[in-house]
Amino acid sequence: SLTYKVKNTNRSVGTKVSGEIGYQYGETGLPPRTIELNLSGSAGQSFGALLTPGIRLILTGEANDYVGKSMSGGEIIVRPPALRQFTAEDNMIVGNTVMYGATGGILFASGRGGERFCVRNSGGMAVVEGIGDHGCEYMTNGTVVVLGRTGKNFGAGMTGGSAYVLDLDENFERLYNKQLIKIDRLANAEDETQLKELIYQHLENTESNRAKEILADWAAFKPRFWKVSPKEAPPIAKLVNAQAATADPVPAKS
């Protein structure tokens, strides 16, 4: 566990460490939380880019664009200072294009993200308290939770994964891209359990006031969530199903 201060000229914090882990330990990386970096300040571009399993980045402050770009594992936690004169869920804490092309790992951001949040996400998980336009664009896998407002064109080109959106303004039906995705209220216990677990983790890691408020009055907030999912199975799933349907039957044992 190490502690550092960062500023916006410190770019790609955590990437060299991830490269060394990949070089020595390969794709599997290290056990969870083997390395913990406690940072404070304003991180530059690509904070936690290419992060690998085994690293936990905790930033008290804010970060610029491309947080978690192409991360394949590990944890990124971005939270505001305990002593502050602003409401965290109404203010930006990470920039644009967060978790672009992520294949794994998880992000907790106690505050809002910018535009193109989780574009081309194919396996990462994230909890954030609001985002700009084009969220989850071209997403193919993973889970995203937005505990606040979204911009327009949410889910454009999204063919896999899922998202949960807290619709406080009751206007999400006008903001999401209807071409490939559908939205439904929380209809089963499995969805509810997954969502609550991620919100609990968000609270534990960031001490988020928004998460605390939701969990304290779940009965009131639950009906305001939408679950976002693709209208059809992802192309790879459709291909597998098609191949299974046309395959020769397995001969019965004599």
C-alpha atoms as a PDB file:
ATOM      1  CA  SER A   1       0.000   0.000   0.000  1.00  0.00           C
ATOM      2  CA  LEU A   2       1.567   3.240  -1.191  1.00  0.00           C
ATOM      3  CA  THR A   3       0.494   6.889  -1.006  1.00  0.00           C
ATOM      4  CA  TYR A   4       1.197   9.647  -3.542  1.00  0.00           C
ATOM      5  CA  LYS A   5      -0.022  13.039  -4.659  1.00  0.00           C
ATOM      6  CA  VAL A   6      -0.943  13.463  -8.327  1.00  0.00           C
ATOM      7  CA  LYS A   7      -1.492  16.393 -10.659  1.00  0.00           C
ATOM      8  CA  ASN A   8      -2.856  16.706 -14.179  1.00  0.00           C
ATOM      9  CA  THR A   9       0.553  16.305 -15.780  1.00  0.00           C
ATOM     10  CA  ASN A  10       0.744  12.790 -14.302  1.00  0.00           C
ATOM     11  CA  ARG A  11      -0.747  10.774 -17.140  1.00  0.00           C
ATOM     12  CA  SER A  12      -1.515   7.061 -17.395  1.00  0.00           C
ATOM     13  CA  VAL A  13      -1.000   6.538 -13.664  1.00  0.00           C
ATOM     14  CA  GLY A  14      -0.883   2.804 -12.987  1.00  0.00           C
ATOM     15  CA  THR A  15      -0.146   1.756 -16.556  1.00  0.00           C
ATOM     16  CA  LYS A  16       3.582   1.031 -16.142  1.00  0.00           C
ATOM     17  CA  VAL A  17       2.842  -1.045 -13.043  1.00  0.00           C
ATOM     18  CA  SER A  18       0.203  -2.954 -15.017  1.00  0.00           C
ATOM     19  CA  GLY A  19       2.684  -3.582 -17.820  1.00  0.00           C
ATOM     20  CA  GLU A  20       5.224  -4.993 -15.404  1.00  0.00           C
ATOM     21  CA  ILE A  21       2.603  -7.276 -13.864  1.00  0.00           C
ATOM     22  CA  GLY A  22       1.590  -8.472 -17.320  1.00  0.00           C
ATOM     23  CA  TYR A  23       5.211  -9.101 -18.233  1.00  0.00           C
ATOM     24  CA  GLN A  24       5.886 -11.149 -15.109  1.00  0.00           C
ATOM     25  CA  TYR A  25       2.552 -12.836 -14.414  1.00  0.00           C
ATOM     26  CA  GLY A  26       0.715 -12.859 -17.731  1.00  0.00           C
ATOM     27  CA  GLU A  27      -2.985 -12.343 -18.371  1.00  0.00           C
ATOM     28  CA  THR A  28      -4.139 -13.566 -14.938  1.00  0.00           C
ATOM     29  CA  GLY A  29      -2.188 -10.839 -13.138  1.00  0.00           C
ATOM     30  CA  LEU A  30      -2.005 -10.862  -9.333  1.00  0.00           C
ATOM     31  CA  PRO A  31      -4.576 -11.725  -6.633  1.00  0.00           C
ATOM     32  CA  PRO A  32      -7.104  -8.935  -5.923  1.00  0.00           C
ATOM     33  CA  ARG A  33      -5.743  -5.925  -4.012  1.00  0.00           C
ATOM     34  CA  THR A  34      -2.156  -7.119  -3.977  1.00  0.00           C
ATOM     35  CA  ILE A  35      -1.117  -3.530  -4.727  1.00  0.00           C
ATOM     36  CA  GLU A  36      -3.072  -0.532  -3.403  1.00  0.00           C
ATOM     37  CA  LEU A  37      -2.198   2.999  -4.491  1.00  0.00           C
ATOM     38  CA  ASN A  38      -3.786   5.782  -2.441  1.00  0.00           C
ATOM     39  CA  LEU A  39      -3.643   8.996  -4.439  1.00  0.00           C
ATOM     40  CA  SER A  40      -4.846  12.550  -3.935  1.00  0.00           C
ATOM     41  CA  GLY A  41      -5.139  15.458  -6.331  1.00  0.00           C
ATOM     42  CA  SER A  42      -6.189  15.920  -9.945  1.00  0.00           C
ATOM     43  CA  ALA A  43      -5.022  13.037 -12.138  1.00  0.00           C
ATOM     44  CA  GLY A  44      -4.171  13.602 -15.797  1.00  0.00           C
ATOM     45  CA  GLN A  45      -5.334  11.749 -18.900  1.00  0.00           C
ATOM     46  CA  SER A  46      -5.776   7.961 -18.912  1.00  0.00           C
ATOM     47  CA  PHE A  47      -5.771   7.374 -15.159  1.00  0.00           C
ATOM     48  CA  GLY A  48      -5.677   3.593 -14.687  1.00  0.00           C
ATOM     49  CA  ALA A  49      -5.420   2.875 -18.415  1.00  0.00           C
ATOM     50  CA  LEU A  50      -4.693  -0.792 -19.212  1.00  0.00           C
ATOM     51  CA  LEU A  51      -5.091  -1.681 -15.539  1.00  0.00           C
ATOM     52  CA  THR A  52      -4.552  -5.365 -14.765  1.00  0.00           C
ATOM     53  CA  PRO A  53      -5.855  -7.698 -12.020  1.00  0.00           C
ATOM     54  CA  GLY A  54      -4.218  -7.158  -8.648  1.00  0.00           C
ATOM     55  CA  ILE A  55      -4.146  -3.341  -8.555  1.00  0.00           C
ATOM     56  CA  ARG A  56      -6.469  -1.068  -6.596  1.00  0.00           C
ATOM     57  CA  LEU A  57      -6.302   2.644  -7.400  1.00  0.00           C
ATOM     58  CA  ILE A  58      -7.994   4.969  -4.890  1.00  0.00           C
ATOM     59  CA  LEU A  59      -8.059   8.611  -5.965  1.00  0.00           C
ATOM     60  CA  THR A  60      -9.374  11.329  -3.670  1.00  0.00           C
ATOM     61  CA  GLY A  61      -9.908  14.275  -5.954  1.00  0.00           C
ATOM     62  CA  GLU A  62     -10.764  14.099  -9.652  1.00  0.00           C
ATOM     63  CA  ALA A  63      -9.507  12.653 -12.919  1.00  0.00           C
ATOM     64  CA  ASN A  64      -9.368  13.753 -16.545  1.00  0.00           C
ATOM     65  CA  ASP A  65     -10.491  11.854 -19.671  1.00  0.00           C
ATOM     66  CA  TYR A  66     -10.014   8.135 -20.443  1.00  0.00           C
ATOM     67  CA  VAL A  67     -10.110   6.813 -16.880  1.00  0.00           C
ATOM     68  CA  GLY A  68      -9.787   3.015 -17.057  1.00  0.00           C
ATOM     69  CA  LYS A  69      -9.197   2.949 -20.808  1.00  0.00           C
ATOM     70  CA  SER A  70      -8.832  -0.680 -21.957  1.00  0.00           C
ATOM     71  CA  MET A  71      -8.559  -1.913 -18.375  1.00  0.00           C
ATOM     72  CA  SER A  72      -8.716  -5.702 -18.025  1.00  0.00           C
ATOM     73  CA  GLY A  73      -8.965  -6.022 -14.242  1.00  0.00           C
ATOM     74  CA  GLY A  74      -8.356  -4.328 -10.929  1.00  0.00           C
ATOM     75  CA  GLU A  75     -10.326  -1.578  -9.211  1.00  0.00           C
ATOM     76  CA  ILE A  76     -10.523   2.179  -9.722  1.00  0.00           C
ATOM     77  CA  ILE A  77     -12.166   4.298  -7.026  1.00  0.00           C
ATOM     78  CA  VAL A  78     -12.570   8.044  -7.534  1.00  0.00           C
ATOM     79  CA  ARG A  79     -14.130  10.009  -4.689  1.00  0.00           C
ATOM     80  CA  PRO A  80     -14.259  13.655  -3.628  1.00  0.00           C
ATOM     81  CA  PRO A  81     -12.552  14.989  -0.502  1.00  0.00           C
ATOM     82  CA  ALA A  82     -14.464  14.476   2.737  1.00  0.00           C
ATOM     83  CA  LEU A  83     -14.359  18.235   3.397  1.00  0.00           C
ATOM     84  CA  ARG A  84     -15.951  19.916   0.389  1.00  0.00           C
ATOM     85  CA  GLN A  85     -18.345  22.731  -0.464  1.00  0.00           C
ATOM     86  CA  PHE A  86     -20.244  21.020  -3.275  1.00  0.00           C
ATOM     87  CA  THR A  87     -22.682  18.162  -3.785  1.00  0.00           C
ATOM     88  CA  ALA A  88     -20.747  15.238  -5.226  1.00  0.00           C
ATOM     89  CA  GLU A  89     -23.559  13.738  -7.326  1.00  0.00           C
ATOM     90  CA  ASP A  90     -24.161  17.075  -9.086  1.00  0.00           C
ATOM     91  CA  ASN A  91     -20.540  17.652 -10.078  1.00  0.00           C
ATOM     92  CA  MET A  92     -18.038  16.101 -12.483  1.00  0.00           C
ATOM     93  CA  ILE A  93     -15.392  13.842 -10.991  1.00  0.00           C
ATOM     94  CA  VAL A  94     -14.135  12.014 -14.120  1.00  0.00           C
ATOM     95  CA  GLY A  95     -13.871  13.231 -17.690  1.00  0.00           C
ATOM     96  CA  ASN A  96     -14.980  11.929 -21.082  1.00  0.00           C
ATOM     97  CA  THR A  97     -14.634   8.441 -22.605  1.00  0.00           C
ATOM     98  CA  VAL A  98     -14.216   6.640 -19.307  1.00  0.00           C
ATOM     99  CA  MET A  99     -13.545   2.858 -19.517  1.00  0.00           C
ATOM    100  CA  TYR A 100     -13.233   2.985 -23.284  1.00  0.00           C
ATOM    101  CA  GLY A 101     -12.745  -0.584 -24.531  1.00  0.00           C
ATOM    102  CA  ALA A 102     -12.561  -2.088 -21.020  1.00  0.00           C
ATOM    103  CA  THR A 103     -12.603  -5.890 -20.863  1.00  0.00           C
ATOM    104  CA  GLY A 104     -12.681  -6.319 -17.072  1.00  0.00           C
ATOM    105  CA  GLY A 105     -12.237  -4.649 -13.717  1.00  0.00           C
ATOM    106  CA  ILE A 106     -14.556  -2.289 -11.874  1.00  0.00           C
ATOM    107  CA  LEU A 107     -14.884   1.483 -11.399  1.00  0.00           C
ATOM    108  CA  PHE A 108     -16.655   3.380  -8.623  1.00  0.00           C
ATOM    109  CA  ALA A 109     -16.973   7.143  -9.204  1.00  0.00           C
ATOM    110  CA  SER A 110     -18.723   9.260  -6.569  1.00  0.00           C
ATOM    111  CA  GLY A 111     -19.770  12.052  -8.901  1.00  0.00           C
ATOM    112  CA  ARG A 112     -20.646  12.540 -12.536  1.00  0.00           C
ATOM    113  CA  GLY A 113     -18.802  11.334 -15.632  1.00  0.00           C
ATOM    114  CA  GLY A 114     -18.557  13.037 -19.001  1.00  0.00           C
ATOM    115  CA  GLU A 115     -19.653  11.985 -22.470  1.00  0.00           C
ATOM    116  CA  ARG A 116     -19.191   8.531 -24.051  1.00  0.00           C
ATOM    117  CA  PHE A 117     -19.030   6.716 -20.737  1.00  0.00           C
ATOM    118  CA  CYS A 118     -18.164   3.017 -21.240  1.00  0.00           C
ATOM    119  CA  VAL A 119     -17.977   3.214 -25.026  1.00  0.00           C
ATOM    120  CA  ARG A 120     -17.038  -0.231 -26.419  1.00  0.00           C
ATOM    121  CA  ASN A 121     -17.064  -1.685 -22.922  1.00  0.00           C
ATOM    122  CA  SER A 122     -16.819  -5.436 -23.316  1.00  0.00           C
ATOM    123  CA  GLY A 123     -16.615  -6.742 -19.771  1.00  0.00           C
ATOM    124  CA  GLY A 124     -15.951  -4.003 -17.231  1.00  0.00           C
ATOM    125  CA  MET A 125     -18.293  -2.928 -14.437  1.00  0.00           C
ATOM    126  CA  ALA A 126     -18.912   0.644 -13.349  1.00  0.00           C
ATOM    127  CA  VAL A 127     -20.993   2.698 -10.932  1.00  0.00           C
ATOM    128  CA  VAL A 128     -21.241   6.448 -11.516  1.00  0.00           C
ATOM    129  CA  GLU A 129     -23.662   9.159 -10.375  1.00  0.00           C
ATOM    130  CA  GLY A 130     -24.513  10.702 -13.739  1.00  0.00           C
ATOM    131  CA  ILE A 131     -23.090  10.916 -17.272  1.00  0.00           C
ATOM    132  CA  GLY A 132     -23.253  12.987 -20.443  1.00  0.00           C
ATOM    133  CA  ASP A 133     -24.311  12.038 -23.979  1.00  0.00           C
ATOM    134  CA  HIS A 134     -23.685   8.705 -25.763  1.00  0.00           C
ATOM    135  CA  GLY A 135     -23.345   6.514 -22.670  1.00  0.00           C
ATOM    136  CA  CYS A 136     -22.661   2.785 -23.259  1.00  0.00           C
ATOM    137  CA  GLU A 137     -22.217   3.366 -26.993  1.00  0.00           C
ATOM    138  CA  TYR A 138     -21.238   0.137 -28.841  1.00  0.00           C
ATOM    139  CA  MET A 139     -21.127  -1.753 -25.538  1.00  0.00           C
ATOM    140  CA  THR A 140     -20.899  -5.543 -25.930  1.00  0.00           C
ATOM    141  CA  ASN A 141     -20.641  -6.852 -22.344  1.00  0.00           C
ATOM    142  CA  GLY A 142     -20.303  -5.779 -18.727  1.00  0.00           C
ATOM    143  CA  THR A 143     -22.592  -3.923 -16.317  1.00  0.00           C
ATOM    144  CA  VAL A 144     -23.014  -0.171 -15.835  1.00  0.00           C
ATOM    145  CA  VAL A 145     -24.988   1.550 -13.067  1.00  0.00           C
ATOM    146  CA  VAL A 146     -25.876   5.233 -13.426  1.00  0.00           C
ATOM    147  CA  LEU A 147     -27.223   6.712 -10.200  1.00  0.00           C
ATOM    148  CA  GLY A 148     -28.388   9.948 -11.789  1.00  0.00           C
ATOM    149  CA  ARG A 149     -28.972  11.830 -14.993  1.00  0.00           C
ATOM    150  CA  THR A 150     -27.854  10.702 -18.438  1.00  0.00           C
ATOM    151  CA  GLY A 151     -27.458  12.590 -21.690  1.00  0.00           C
ATOM    152  CA  LYS A 152     -28.993  11.789 -25.061  1.00  0.00           C
ATOM    153  CA  ASN A 153     -28.320   8.776 -27.322  1.00  0.00           C
ATOM    154  CA  PHE A 154     -27.746   6.310 -24.491  1.00  0.00           C
ATOM    155  CA  GLY A 155     -26.992   2.785 -25.703  1.00  0.00           C
ATOM    156  CA  ALA A 156     -26.455   3.541 -29.390  1.00  0.00           C
ATOM    157  CA  GLY A 157     -25.051   0.399 -31.023  1.00  0.00           C
ATOM    158  CA  MET A 158     -25.196  -1.508 -27.721  1.00  0.00           C
ATOM    159  CA  THR A 159     -25.365  -5.253 -28.468  1.00  0.00           C
ATOM    160  CA  GLY A 160     -24.489  -6.832 -25.107  1.00  0.00           C
ATOM    161  CA  GLY A 161     -24.188  -6.330 -21.381  1.00  0.00           C
ATOM    162  CA  SER A 162     -26.663  -4.420 -19.250  1.00  0.00           C
ATOM    163  CA  ALA A 163     -27.140  -1.070 -17.556  1.00  0.00           C
ATOM    164  CA  TYR A 164     -29.246   0.235 -14.708  1.00  0.00           C
ATOM    165  CA  VAL A 165     -30.279   3.888 -14.826  1.00  0.00           C
ATOM    166  CA  LEU A 166     -31.887   5.904 -12.021  1.00  0.00           C
ATOM    167  CA  ASP A 167     -34.405   8.128 -13.823  1.00  0.00           C
ATOM    168  CA  LEU A 168     -34.840  10.980 -11.354  1.00  0.00           C
ATOM    169  CA  ASP A 169     -36.219  13.392 -13.968  1.00  0.00           C
ATOM    170  CA  GLU A 170     -38.534  10.816 -15.586  1.00  0.00           C
ATOM    171  CA  ASN A 171     -37.176  11.573 -19.055  1.00  0.00           C
ATOM    172  CA  PHE A 172     -34.915   8.594 -19.817  1.00  0.00           C
ATOM    173  CA  GLU A 173     -37.500   7.206 -22.235  1.00  0.00           C
ATOM    174  CA  ARG A 174     -36.750  10.198 -24.482  1.00  0.00           C
ATOM    175  CA  LEU A 175     -32.962   9.979 -24.128  1.00  0.00           C
ATOM    176  CA  TYR A 176     -32.030   6.398 -24.960  1.00  0.00           C
ATOM    177  CA  ASN A 177     -31.385   5.142 -28.495  1.00  0.00           C
ATOM    178  CA  LYS A 178     -34.241   2.749 -29.312  1.00  0.00           C
ATOM    179  CA  GLN A 179     -32.594   1.036 -32.287  1.00  0.00           C
ATOM    180  CA  LEU A 180     -30.930  -1.912 -30.535  1.00  0.00           C
ATOM    181  CA  ILE A 181     -31.897  -1.728 -26.855  1.00  0.00           C
ATOM    182  CA  LYS A 182     -34.991  -1.943 -24.701  1.00  0.00           C
ATOM    183  CA  ILE A 183     -35.744  -0.641 -21.221  1.00  0.00           C
ATOM    184  CA  ASP A 184     -37.740  -2.333 -18.466  1.00  0.00           C
ATOM    185  CA  ARG A 185     -38.409  -1.740 -14.817  1.00  0.00           C
ATOM    186  CA  LEU A 186     -36.774  -4.059 -12.291  1.00  0.00           C
ATOM    187  CA  ALA A 187     -38.869  -7.150 -12.828  1.00  0.00           C
ATOM    188  CA  ASN A 188     -37.099  -9.978 -11.045  1.00  0.00           C
ATOM    189  CA  ALA A 189     -35.169 -10.650  -7.860  1.00  0.00           C
ATOM    190  CA  GLU A 190     -31.939 -11.373  -9.723  1.00  0.00           C
ATOM    191  CA  ASP A 191     -31.789  -7.868 -11.238  1.00  0.00           C
ATOM    192  CA  GLU A 192     -32.671  -6.257  -7.926  1.00  0.00           C
ATOM    193  CA  THR A 193     -30.027  -8.242  -6.060  1.00  0.00           C
ATOM    194  CA  GLN A 194     -27.301  -7.404  -8.589  1.00  0.00           C
ATOM    195  CA  LEU A 195     -28.154  -3.704  -8.565  1.00  0.00           C
ATOM    196  CA  LYS A 196     -28.313  -3.410  -4.771  1.00  0.00           C
ATOM    197  CA  GLU A 197     -25.028  -5.279  -4.389  1.00  0.00           C
ATOM    198  CA  LEU A 198     -23.263  -2.848  -6.727  1.00  0.00           C
ATOM    199  CA  ILE A 199     -24.757   0.143  -4.895  1.00  0.00           C
ATOM    200  CA  TYR A 200     -23.604  -1.319  -1.565  1.00  0.00           C
ATOM    201  CA  GLN A 201     -20.094  -1.739  -2.982  1.00  0.00           C
ATOM    202  CA  HIS A 202     -20.225   1.842  -4.260  1.00  0.00           C
ATOM    203  CA  LEU A 203     -21.144   3.095  -0.791  1.00  0.00           C
ATOM    204  CA  GLU A 204     -18.447   0.995   0.869  1.00  0.00           C
ATOM    205  CA  ASN A 205     -15.726   2.235  -1.479  1.00  0.00           C
ATOM    206  CA  THR A 206     -16.679   5.902  -1.867  1.00  0.00           C
ATOM    207  CA  GLU A 207     -18.944   6.794   1.082  1.00  0.00           C
ATOM    208  CA  SER A 208     -21.337   8.169  -1.522  1.00  0.00           C
ATOM    209  CA  ASN A 209     -24.240  10.233  -0.209  1.00  0.00           C
ATOM    210  CA  ARG A 210     -26.312   9.257  -3.248  1.00  0.00           C
ATOM    211  CA  ALA A 211     -25.791   5.541  -2.583  1.00  0.00           C
ATOM    212  CA  LYS A 212     -26.598   6.023   1.105  1.00  0.00           C
ATOM    213  CA  GLU A 213     -29.819   7.858   0.223  1.00  0.00           C
ATOM    214  CA  ILE A 214     -30.954   5.134  -2.213  1.00  0.00           C
ATOM    215  CA  LEU A 215     -30.280   2.237   0.129  1.00  0.00           C
ATOM    216  CA  ALA A 216     -31.956   3.989   3.059  1.00  0.00           C
ATOM    217  CA  ASP A 217     -35.211   4.308   1.073  1.00  0.00           C
ATOM    218  CA  TRP A 218     -35.041   1.448  -1.437  1.00  0.00           C
ATOM    219  CA  ALA A 219     -38.820   1.124  -1.710  1.00  0.00           C
ATOM    220  CA  ALA A 220     -39.032   4.682  -3.054  1.00  0.00           C
ATOM    221  CA  PHE A 221     -36.059   4.490  -5.413  1.00  0.00           C
ATOM    222  CA  LYS A 222     -36.560   1.008  -6.855  1.00  0.00           C
ATOM    223  CA  PRO A 223     -39.501   2.012  -9.131  1.00  0.00           C
ATOM    224  CA  ARG A 224     -37.375   4.805 -10.622  1.00  0.00           C
ATOM    225  CA  PHE A 225     -34.732   2.480 -12.046  1.00  0.00           C
ATOM    226  CA  TRP A 226     -34.667   1.254 -15.629  1.00  0.00           C
ATOM    227  CA  LYS A 227     -32.813  -1.836 -16.751  1.00  0.00           C
ATOM    228  CA  VAL A 228     -31.263  -1.426 -20.215  1.00  0.00           C
ATOM    229  CA  SER A 229     -30.541  -4.519 -22.293  1.00  0.00           C
ATOM    230  CA  PRO A 230     -30.213  -5.452 -25.986  1.00  0.00           C
ATOM    231  CA  LYS A 231     -33.395  -6.326 -27.849  1.00  0.00           C
ATOM    232  CA  GLU A 232     -31.738  -9.413 -29.309  1.00  0.00           C
ATOM    233  CA  ALA A 233     -28.965 -11.759 -28.247  1.00  0.00           C
ATOM    234  CA  PRO A 234     -25.447 -10.517 -29.121  1.00  0.00           C
ATOM    235  CA  PRO A 235     -24.253 -11.647 -32.593  1.00  0.00           C
ATOM    236  CA  ILE A 236     -21.864 -14.224 -31.140  1.00  0.00           C
ATOM    237  CA  ALA A 237     -24.678 -15.779 -29.103  1.00  0.00           C
ATOM    238  CA  LYS A 238     -26.918 -15.904 -32.184  1.00  0.00           C
ATOM    239  CA  LEU A 239     -24.124 -17.585 -34.128  1.00  0.00           C
ATOM    240  CA  VAL A 240     -23.593 -20.206 -31.425  1.00  0.00           C
ATOM    241  CA  ASN A 241     -27.322 -20.910 -31.270  1.00  0.00           C
ATOM    242  CA  ALA A 242     -27.526 -21.211 -35.051  1.00  0.00           C
ATOM    243  CA  GLN A 243     -24.601 -23.618 -35.147  1.00  0.00           C
ATOM    244  CA  ALA A 244     -26.151 -25.710 -32.385  1.00  0.00           C
ATOM    245  CA  ALA A 245     -29.450 -25.900 -34.263  1.00  0.00           C
ATOM    246  CA  THR A 246     -27.826 -27.156 -37.461  1.00  0.00           C
ATOM    247  CA  ALA A 247     -25.307 -29.521 -35.873  1.00  0.00           C
ATOM    248  CA  ASP A 248     -25.657 -33.243 -36.382  1.00  0.00           C
ATOM    249  CA  PRO A 249     -27.366 -34.893 -33.411  1.00  0.00           C
ATOM    250  CA  VAL A 250     -25.162 -36.812 -31.013  1.00  0.00           C
ATOM    251  CA  PRO A 251     -25.712 -40.536 -31.632  1.00  0.00           C
ATOM    252  CA  ALA A 252     -27.345 -42.375 -28.777  1.00  0.00           C
ATOM    253  CA  LYS A 253     -25.205 -44.786 -26.812  1.00  0.00           C
ATOM    254  CA  SER A 254     -25.836 -48.417 -27.629  1.00  0.00           C
END
